[in-house]
Every structure is written in C-alpha cells, then in structure tokens.
Amino acid sequence: MSNKESVKRTVNGRVVSTAMDKTITLVVERLVPHPLYGKYIRRTTKVHAHDEDNVCQKGDWVSVVECRPVSKQKTWRLVDVLERAVQ
C-alpha cells in the first residue's frame, strides 16, 4: 500500500444532536474489558460529523468515516443513514 492510499476508519453511532447547521453530534459506543475482572464495560465517545445536506435527525443510526478537518472539532463525514429514528 502506498502512502497516498490510507485506510479510513468507519464507525457507527446514534445521533444525539442536530442543533448546528451541516453538523451532527453522535455517540459511538464500544465494549472494553475491565483490566482486572474481565467483564465488558460500555464506553462512549462523542464525535462531530459533517452532514452536508442536513438529512439526519435525532435518534438516527448512522455511519461516519474519517476525513480531513472540516472545522476545529469536525474530522468525520457522514456516509450513510443506516436506520431512521421512529417518529
């Protein structure tokens, strides 16, 4: 693989906010084992993603991919809405 071909990370998450224009805030959950006991613990991370057409709604399950920084906090771009929220 050459330097120009980089593998982009893709994550799925639940949209928690659409208050900003062309921006969504989503929560990405992951399971990590406890260092001593081994039980899996749910950890969450909030990320901001670029939503060019404002198609997302609160509660949607979406897929985002890494991209160049769009703003100070936005380094993710919306790829697809996997599941719409029940209205």
PDB file of N, CA and C in Angstrom:
ATOM      1  N   MET A   1       0.844  -1.175   0.000  1.00  0.00           N
ATOM      2  CA  MET A   1       0.000   0.000   0.000  1.00  0.00           C
ATOM      3  C   MET A   1       0.892   1.241   0.000  1.00  0.00           C
ATOM      4  N   SER A   2       0.634   2.169  -0.884  1.00  0.00           N
ATOM      5  CA  SER A   2       1.437   3.384  -0.963  1.00  0.00           C
ATOM      6  C   SER A   2       0.975   4.392   0.086  1.00  0.00           C
ATOM      7  N   ASN A   3       1.722   5.477   0.215  1.00  0.00           N
ATOM      8  CA  ASN A   3       1.397   6.494   1.205  1.00  0.00           C
ATOM      9  C   ASN A   3       0.079   7.193   0.900  1.00  0.00           C
ATOM     10  N   LYS A   4      -0.260   7.312  -0.379  1.00  0.00           N
ATOM     11  CA  LYS A   4      -1.476   8.025  -0.751  1.00  0.00           C
ATOM     12  C   LYS A   4      -2.737   7.225  -0.450  1.00  0.00           C
ATOM     13  N   GLU A   5      -2.605   5.903  -0.391  1.00  0.00           N
ATOM     14  CA  GLU A   5      -3.750   5.058  -0.065  1.00  0.00           C
ATOM     15  C   GLU A   5      -3.755   4.798   1.430  1.00  0.00           C
ATOM     16  N   SER A   6      -4.604   5.519   2.148  1.00  0.00           N
ATOM     17  CA  SER A   6      -4.684   5.298   3.587  1.00  0.00           C
ATOM     18  C   SER A   6      -6.036   4.673   3.917  1.00  0.00           C
ATOM     19  N   VAL A   7      -6.036   3.843   4.911  1.00  0.00           N
ATOM     20  CA  VAL A   7      -7.266   3.187   5.332  1.00  0.00           C
ATOM     21  C   VAL A   7      -8.025   4.148   6.235  1.00  0.00           C
ATOM     22  N   LYS A   8      -9.269   4.464   5.861  1.00  0.00           N
ATOM     23  CA  LYS A   8     -10.089   5.390   6.630  1.00  0.00           C
ATOM     24  C   LYS A   8     -10.929   4.604   7.636  1.00  0.00           C
ATOM     25  N   ARG A   9     -10.936   5.074   8.870  1.00  0.00           N
ATOM     26  CA  ARG A   9     -11.757   4.428   9.894  1.00  0.00           C
ATOM     27  C   ARG A   9     -13.221   4.761   9.661  1.00  0.00           C
ATOM     28  N   THR A  10     -14.076   3.771   9.828  1.00  0.00           N
ATOM     29  CA  THR A  10     -15.514   3.950   9.728  1.00  0.00           C
ATOM     30  C   THR A  10     -16.134   3.474  11.023  1.00  0.00           C
ATOM     31  N   VAL A  11     -17.002   4.291  11.614  1.00  0.00           N
ATOM     32  CA  VAL A  11     -17.685   3.910  12.846  1.00  0.00           C
ATOM     33  C   VAL A  11     -19.174   4.180  12.702  1.00  0.00           C
ATOM     34  N   ASN A  12     -19.957   3.469  13.500  1.00  0.00           N
ATOM     35  CA  ASN A  12     -21.406   3.658  13.532  1.00  0.00           C
ATOM     36  C   ASN A  12     -21.790   4.249  14.879  1.00  0.00           C
ATOM     37  N   GLY A  13     -22.834   5.078  14.873  1.00  0.00           N
ATOM     38  CA  GLY A  13     -23.265   5.684  16.127  1.00  0.00           C
ATOM     39  C   GLY A  13     -24.667   6.232  16.037  1.00  0.00           C
ATOM     40  N   ARG A  14     -25.191   6.657  17.180  1.00  0.00           N
ATOM     41  CA  ARG A  14     -26.536   7.205  17.306  1.00  0.00           C
ATOM     42  C   ARG A  14     -26.455   8.722  17.359  1.00  0.00           C
ATOM     43  N   VAL A  15     -27.249   9.413  16.540  1.00  0.00           N
ATOM     44  CA  VAL A  15     -27.257  10.875  16.506  1.00  0.00           C
ATOM     45  C   VAL A  15     -27.949  11.392  17.765  1.00  0.00           C
ATOM     46  N   VAL A  16     -27.260  12.275  18.501  1.00  0.00           N
ATOM     47  CA  VAL A  16     -27.832  12.841  19.715  1.00  0.00           C
ATOM     48  C   VAL A  16     -28.164  14.323  19.567  1.00  0.00           C
ATOM     49  N   SER A  17     -27.631  14.979  18.524  1.00  0.00           N
ATOM     50  CA  SER A  17     -27.923  16.393  18.339  1.00  0.00           C
ATOM     51  C   SER A  17     -27.785  16.783  16.870  1.00  0.00           C
ATOM     52  N   THR A  18     -28.708  17.638  16.420  1.00  0.00           N
ATOM     53  CA  THR A  18     -28.633  18.214  15.076  1.00  0.00           C
ATOM     54  C   THR A  18     -28.817  19.730  15.155  1.00  0.00           C
ATOM     55  N   ALA A  19     -28.446  20.326  16.280  1.00  0.00           N
ATOM     56  CA  ALA A  19     -28.688  21.744  16.520  1.00  0.00           C
ATOM     57  C   ALA A  19     -27.876  22.653  15.607  1.00  0.00           C
ATOM     58  N   MET A  20     -26.681  22.203  15.200  1.00  0.00           N
ATOM     59  CA  MET A  20     -25.822  23.033  14.365  1.00  0.00           C
ATOM     60  C   MET A  20     -26.119  22.798  12.884  1.00  0.00           C
ATOM     61  N   ASP A  21     -25.832  23.800  12.059  1.00  0.00           N
ATOM     62  CA  ASP A  21     -26.069  23.683  10.624  1.00  0.00           C
ATOM     63  C   ASP A  21     -24.969  22.829   9.990  1.00  0.00           C
ATOM     64  N   LYS A  22     -25.381  21.825   9.202  1.00  0.00           N
ATOM     65  CA  LYS A  22     -24.474  20.914   8.491  1.00  0.00           C
ATOM     66  C   LYS A  22     -23.574  20.112   9.437  1.00  0.00           C
ATOM     67  N   THR A  23     -23.995  19.959  10.685  1.00  0.00           N
ATOM     68  CA  THR A  23     -23.205  19.217  11.666  1.00  0.00           C
ATOM     69  C   THR A  23     -24.125  18.333  12.499  1.00  0.00           C
ATOM     70  N   ILE A  24     -23.670  17.117  12.760  1.00  0.00           N
ATOM     71  CA  ILE A  24     -24.387  16.237  13.678  1.00  0.00           C
ATOM     72  C   ILE A  24     -23.424  15.827  14.792  1.00  0.00           C
ATOM     73  N   THR A  25     -23.988  15.579  15.942  1.00  0.00           N
ATOM     74  CA  THR A  25     -23.227  15.042  17.063  1.00  0.00           C
ATOM     75  C   THR A  25     -23.725  13.628  17.284  1.00  0.00           C
ATOM     76  N   LEU A  26     -22.803  12.684  17.321  1.00  0.00           N
ATOM     77  CA  LEU A  26     -23.221  11.310  17.536  1.00  0.00           C
ATOM     78  C   LEU A  26     -22.412  10.666  18.637  1.00  0.00           C
ATOM     79  N   VAL A  27     -23.009   9.645  19.247  1.00  0.00           N
ATOM     80  CA  VAL A  27     -22.370   8.892  20.313  1.00  0.00           C
ATOM     81  C   VAL A  27     -21.964   7.542  19.751  1.00  0.00           C
ATOM     82  N   VAL A  28     -20.681   7.222  19.876  1.00  0.00           N
ATOM     83  CA  VAL A  28     -20.147   5.941  19.422  1.00  0.00           C
ATOM     84  C   VAL A  28     -19.878   5.103  20.661  1.00  0.00           C
ATOM     85  N   GLU A  29     -20.459   3.908  20.708  1.00  0.00           N
ATOM     86  CA  GLU A  29     -20.273   3.023  21.854  1.00  0.00           C
ATOM     87  C   GLU A  29     -19.296   1.914  21.510  1.00  0.00           C
ATOM     88  N   ARG A  30     -18.499   1.521  22.498  1.00  0.00           N
ATOM     89  CA  ARG A  30     -17.597   0.395  22.317  1.00  0.00           C
ATOM     90  C   ARG A  30     -17.548  -0.383  23.619  1.00  0.00           C
ATOM     91  N   LEU A  31     -17.252  -1.665  23.533  1.00  0.00           N
ATOM     92  CA  LEU A  31     -17.138  -2.512  24.709  1.00  0.00           C
ATOM     93  C   LEU A  31     -15.672  -2.807  24.965  1.00  0.00           C
ATOM     94  N   VAL A  32     -15.219  -2.533  26.188  1.00  0.00           N
ATOM     95  CA  VAL A  32     -13.837  -2.800  26.560  1.00  0.00           C
ATOM     96  C   VAL A  32     -13.840  -3.691  27.801  1.00  0.00           C
ATOM     97  N   PRO A  33     -12.920  -4.648  27.869  1.00  0.00           N
ATOM     98  CA  PRO A  33     -12.873  -5.498  29.057  1.00  0.00           C
ATOM     99  C   PRO A  33     -12.266  -4.759  30.252  1.00  0.00           C
ATOM    100  N   HIS A  34     -12.806  -5.015  31.430  1.00  0.00           N
ATOM    101  CA  HIS A  34     -12.250  -4.452  32.663  1.00  0.00           C
ATOM    102  C   HIS A  34     -10.845  -5.030  32.857  1.00  0.00           C
ATOM    103  N   PRO A  35      -9.868  -4.193  33.228  1.00  0.00           N
ATOM    104  CA  PRO A  35      -8.490  -4.689  33.301  1.00  0.00           C
ATOM    105  C   PRO A  35      -8.275  -5.812  34.314  1.00  0.00           C
ATOM    106  N   LEU A  36      -9.039  -5.828  35.391  1.00  0.00           N
ATOM    107  CA  LEU A  36      -8.839  -6.846  36.415  1.00  0.00           C
ATOM    108  C   LEU A  36      -9.849  -7.980  36.317  1.00  0.00           C
ATOM    109  N   TYR A  37     -11.126  -7.631  36.161  1.00  0.00           N
ATOM    110  CA  TYR A  37     -12.183  -8.631  36.250  1.00  0.00           C
ATOM    111  C   TYR A  37     -12.605  -9.215  34.909  1.00  0.00           C
ATOM    112  N   GLY A  38     -12.291  -8.532  33.816  1.00  0.00           N
ATOM    113  CA  GLY A  38     -12.598  -9.089  32.507  1.00  0.00           C
ATOM    114  C   GLY A  38     -14.009  -8.838  32.015  1.00  0.00           C
ATOM    115  N   LYS A  39     -14.883  -8.320  32.879  1.00  0.00           N
ATOM    116  CA  LYS A  39     -16.253  -8.021  32.456  1.00  0.00           C
ATOM    117  C   LYS A  39     -16.220  -6.868  31.454  1.00  0.00           C
ATOM    118  N   TYR A  40     -17.058  -6.948  30.436  1.00  0.00           N
ATOM    119  CA  TYR A  40     -17.070  -5.913  29.411  1.00  0.00           C
ATOM    120  C   TYR A  40     -17.845  -4.692  29.890  1.00  0.00           C
ATOM    121  N   ILE A  41     -17.235  -3.520  29.710  1.00  0.00           N
ATOM    122  CA  ILE A  41     -17.811  -2.254  30.125  1.00  0.00           C
ATOM    123  C   ILE A  41     -18.118  -1.437  28.883  1.00  0.00           C
ATOM    124  N   ARG A  42     -19.257  -0.767  28.882  1.00  0.00           N
ATOM    125  CA  ARG A  42     -19.670   0.069  27.757  1.00  0.00           C
ATOM    126  C   ARG A  42     -19.041   1.458  27.896  1.00  0.00           C
ATOM    127  N   ARG A  43     -18.273   1.867  26.899  1.00  0.00           N
ATOM    128  CA  ARG A  43     -17.646   3.186  26.883  1.00  0.00           C
ATOM    129  C   ARG A  43     -18.203   3.968  25.699  1.00  0.00           C
ATOM    130  N   THR A  44     -18.437   5.269  25.891  1.00  0.00           N
ATOM    131  CA  THR A  44     -18.996   6.091  24.824  1.00  0.00           C
ATOM    132  C   THR A  44     -18.051   7.230  24.483  1.00  0.00           C
ATOM    133  N   THR A  45     -18.105   7.654  23.212  1.00  0.00           N
ATOM    134  CA  THR A  45     -17.327   8.774  22.714  1.00  0.00           C
ATOM    135  C   THR A  45     -18.243   9.640  21.862  1.00  0.00           C
ATOM    136  N   LYS A  46     -18.209  10.943  22.099  1.00  0.00           N
ATOM    137  CA  LYS A  46     -18.999  11.867  21.285  1.00  0.00           C
ATOM    138  C   LYS A  46     -18.128  12.410  20.170  1.00  0.00           C
ATOM    139  N   VAL A  47     -18.640  12.396  18.943  1.00  0.00           N
ATOM    140  CA  VAL A  47     -17.913  12.968  17.816  1.00  0.00           C
ATOM    141  C   VAL A  47     -18.851  13.875  17.016  1.00  0.00           C
ATOM    142  N   HIS A  48     -18.260  14.872  16.371  1.00  0.00           N
ATOM    143  CA  HIS A  48     -18.998  15.752  15.469  1.00  0.00           C
ATOM    144  C   HIS A  48     -18.699  15.319  14.043  1.00  0.00           C
ATOM    145  N   ALA A  49     -19.736  15.270  13.211  1.00  0.00           N
ATOM    146  CA  ALA A  49     -19.561  14.854  11.823  1.00  0.00           C
ATOM    147  C   ALA A  49     -20.227  15.854  10.886  1.00  0.00           C
ATOM    148  N   HIS A  50     -19.680  15.948   9.688  1.00  0.00           N
ATOM    149  CA  HIS A  50     -20.195  16.871   8.667  1.00  0.00           C
ATOM    150  C   HIS A  50     -21.363  16.219   7.934  1.00  0.00           C
ATOM    151  N   ASP A  51     -22.514  16.899   7.960  1.00  0.00           N
ATOM    152  CA  ASP A  51     -23.734  16.436   7.288  1.00  0.00           C
ATOM    153  C   ASP A  51     -24.121  17.513   6.281  1.00  0.00           C
ATOM    154  N   GLU A  52     -23.612  17.399   5.064  1.00  0.00           N
ATOM    155  CA  GLU A  52     -23.738  18.453   4.055  1.00  0.00           C
ATOM    156  C   GLU A  52     -25.184  18.843   3.769  1.00  0.00           C
ATOM    157  N   ASP A  53     -26.092  17.863   3.673  1.00  0.00           N
ATOM    158  CA  ASP A  53     -27.473  18.144   3.265  1.00  0.00           C
ATOM    159  C   ASP A  53     -28.459  18.176   4.430  1.00  0.00           C
ATOM    160  N   ASN A  54     -27.980  18.131   5.652  1.00  0.00           N
ATOM    161  CA  ASN A  54     -28.846  18.124   6.845  1.00  0.00           C
ATOM    162  C   ASN A  54     -29.934  17.040   6.758  1.00  0.00           C
ATOM    163  N   VAL A  55     -29.533  15.818   6.422  1.00  0.00           N
ATOM    164  CA  VAL A  55     -30.504  14.735   6.247  1.00  0.00           C
ATOM    165  C   VAL A  55     -30.764  13.965   7.543  1.00  0.00           C
ATOM    166  N   CYS A  56     -29.897  14.106   8.525  1.00  0.00           N
ATOM    167  CA  CYS A  56     -30.035  13.326   9.757  1.00  0.00           C
ATOM    168  C   CYS A  56     -31.016  13.970  10.720  1.00  0.00           C
ATOM    169  N   GLN A  57     -31.614  13.117  11.543  1.00  0.00           N
ATOM    170  CA  GLN A  57     -32.496  13.558  12.619  1.00  0.00           C
ATOM    171  C   GLN A  57     -32.011  12.926  13.907  1.00  0.00           C
ATOM    172  N   LYS A  58     -32.431  13.486  15.009  1.00  0.00           N
ATOM    173  CA  LYS A  58     -32.054  12.964  16.313  1.00  0.00           C
ATOM    174  C   LYS A  58     -32.562  11.529  16.460  1.00  0.00           C
ATOM    175  N   GLY A  59     -31.689  10.639  16.877  1.00  0.00           N
ATOM    176  CA  GLY A  59     -32.057   9.242  17.068  1.00  0.00           C
ATOM    177  C   GLY A  59     -31.701   8.328  15.913  1.00  0.00           C
ATOM    178  N   ASP A  60     -31.250   8.876  14.785  1.00  0.00           N
ATOM    179  CA  ASP A  60     -30.859   8.052  13.638  1.00  0.00           C
ATOM    180  C   ASP A  60     -29.591   7.258  13.952  1.00  0.00           C
ATOM    181  N   TRP A  61     -29.487   6.080  13.362  1.00  0.00           N
ATOM    182  CA  TRP A  61     -28.282   5.259  13.447  1.00  0.00           C
ATOM    183  C   TRP A  61     -27.514   5.517  12.159  1.00  0.00           C
ATOM    184  N   VAL A  62     -26.294   6.059  12.256  1.00  0.00           N
ATOM    185  CA  VAL A  62     -25.556   6.495  11.074  1.00  0.00           C
ATOM    186  C   VAL A  62     -24.158   5.897  11.029  1.00  0.00           C
ATOM    187  N   SER A  63     -23.563   5.968   9.842  1.00  0.00           N
ATOM    188  CA  SER A  63     -22.192   5.542   9.622  1.00  0.00           C
ATOM    189  C   SER A  63     -21.393   6.768   9.201  1.00  0.00           C
ATOM    190  N   VAL A  64     -20.209   6.966   9.843  1.00  0.00           N
ATOM    191  CA  VAL A  64     -19.352   8.093   9.508  1.00  0.00           C
ATOM    192  C   VAL A  64     -17.942   7.586   9.222  1.00  0.00           C
ATOM    193  N   VAL A  65     -17.199   8.372   8.444  1.00  0.00           N
ATOM    194  CA  VAL A  65     -15.840   7.995   8.063  1.00  0.00           C
ATOM    195  C   VAL A  65     -14.905   9.157   8.388  1.00  0.00           C
ATOM    196  N   GLU A  66     -13.655   8.839   8.699  1.00  0.00           N
ATOM    197  CA  GLU A  66     -12.649   9.858   8.958  1.00  0.00           C
ATOM    198  C   GLU A  66     -12.403  10.696   7.713  1.00  0.00           C
ATOM    199  N   CYS A  67     -12.123  11.974   7.910  1.00  0.00           N
ATOM    200  CA  CYS A  67     -11.786  12.842   6.782  1.00  0.00           C
ATOM    201  C   CYS A  67     -10.846  13.932   7.282  1.00  0.00           C
ATOM    202  N   ARG A  68     -10.425  14.790   6.378  1.00  0.00           N
ATOM    203  CA  ARG A  68      -9.582  15.907   6.790  1.00  0.00           C
ATOM    204  C   ARG A  68     -10.414  16.832   7.684  1.00  0.00           C
ATOM    205  N   PRO A  69      -9.788  17.629   8.526  1.00  0.00           N
ATOM    206  CA  PRO A  69     -10.548  18.507   9.412  1.00  0.00           C
ATOM    207  C   PRO A  69     -11.401  19.507   8.627  1.00  0.00           C
ATOM    208  N   VAL A  70     -12.686  19.521   8.918  1.00  0.00           N
ATOM    209  CA  VAL A  70     -13.608  20.464   8.289  1.00  0.00           C
ATOM    210  C   VAL A  70     -13.684  21.728   9.136  1.00  0.00           C
ATOM    211  N   SER A  71     -13.569  21.565  10.446  1.00  0.00           N
ATOM    212  CA  SER A  71     -13.535  22.692  11.365  1.00  0.00           C
ATOM    213  C   SER A  71     -12.715  22.265  12.578  1.00  0.00           C
ATOM    214  N   LYS A  72     -12.774  23.035  13.643  1.00  0.00           N
ATOM    215  CA  LYS A  72     -11.950  22.747  14.816  1.00  0.00           C
ATOM    216  C   LYS A  72     -12.249  21.366  15.401  1.00  0.00           C
ATOM    217  N   GLN A  73     -13.519  21.000  15.449  1.00  0.00           N
ATOM    218  CA  GLN A  73     -13.907  19.723  16.068  1.00  0.00           C
ATOM    219  C   GLN A  73     -14.363  18.664  15.074  1.00  0.00           C
ATOM    220  N   LYS A  74     -14.716  19.046  13.855  1.00  0.00           N
ATOM    221  CA  LYS A  74     -15.254  18.087  12.886  1.00  0.00           C
ATOM    222  C   LYS A  74     -14.147  17.446  12.059  1.00  0.00           C
ATOM    223  N   THR A  75     -13.915  16.166  12.295  1.00  0.00           N
ATOM    224  CA  THR A  75     -12.963  15.404  11.484  1.00  0.00           C
ATOM    225  C   THR A  75     -13.610  14.131  10.962  1.00  0.00           C
ATOM    226  N   TRP A  76     -14.940  14.086  10.959  1.00  0.00           N
ATOM    227  CA  TRP A  76     -15.693  12.938  10.465  1.00  0.00           C
ATOM    228  C   TRP A  76     -16.704  13.438   9.448  1.00  0.00           C
ATOM    229  N   ARG A  77     -17.074  12.553   8.506  1.00  0.00           N
ATOM    230  CA  ARG A  77     -18.029  12.899   7.451  1.00  0.00           C
ATOM    231  C   ARG A  77     -19.101  11.822   7.397  1.00  0.00           C
ATOM    232  N   LEU A  78     -20.347  12.244   7.251  1.00  0.00           N
ATOM    233  CA  LEU A  78     -21.468  11.304   7.168  1.00  0.00           C
ATOM    234  C   LEU A  78     -21.383  10.489   5.884  1.00  0.00           C
ATOM    235  N   VAL A  79     -21.528   9.161   6.014  1.00  0.00           N
ATOM    236  CA  VAL A  79     -21.502   8.282   4.852  1.00  0.00           C
ATOM    237  C   VAL A  79     -22.913   7.831   4.511  1.00  0.00           C
ATOM    238  N   ASP A  80     -23.644   7.346   5.525  1.00  0.00           N
ATOM    239  CA  ASP A  80     -24.948   6.758   5.256  1.00  0.00           C
ATOM    240  C   ASP A  80     -25.793   6.777   6.515  1.00  0.00           C
ATOM    241  N   VAL A  81     -27.108   6.912   6.332  1.00  0.00           N
ATOM    242  CA  VAL A  81     -28.056   6.750   7.424  1.00  0.00           C
ATOM    243  C   VAL A  81     -28.487   5.288   7.389  1.00  0.00           C
ATOM    244  N   LEU A  82     -28.088   4.522   8.390  1.00  0.00           N
ATOM    245  CA  LEU A  82     -28.368   3.090   8.395  1.00  0.00           C
ATOM    246  C   LEU A  82     -29.793   2.784   8.839  1.00  0.00           C
ATOM    247  N   GLU A  83     -30.305   3.571   9.809  1.00  0.00           N
ATOM    248  CA  GLU A  83     -31.641   3.327  10.332  1.00  0.00           C
ATOM    249  C   GLU A  83     -32.233   4.654  10.781  1.00  0.00           C
ATOM    250  N   ARG A  84     -33.448   4.926  10.324  1.00  0.00           N
ATOM    251  CA  ARG A  84     -34.138   6.163  10.707  1.00  0.00           C
ATOM    252  C   ARG A  84     -34.746   6.032  12.086  1.00  0.00           C
ATOM    253  N   ALA A  85     -34.824   7.160  12.801  1.00  0.00           N
ATOM    254  CA  ALA A  85     -35.440   7.182  14.129  1.00  0.00           C
ATOM    255  C   ALA A  85     -36.959   7.062  13.976  1.00  0.00           C
ATOM    256  N   VAL A  86     -37.584   6.411  14.931  1.00  0.00           N
ATOM    257  CA  VAL A  86     -39.038   6.287  14.935  1.00  0.00           C
ATOM    258  C   VAL A  86     -39.626   7.601  15.427  1.00  0.00           C
ATOM    259  N   GLN A  87     -40.499   8.187  14.626  1.00  0.00           N
ATOM    260  CA  GLN A  87     -41.085   9.485  14.983  1.00  0.00           C
ATOM    261  C   GLN A  87     -42.408   9.333  15.669  1.00  0.00           C
TER     262      GLN A  87
END
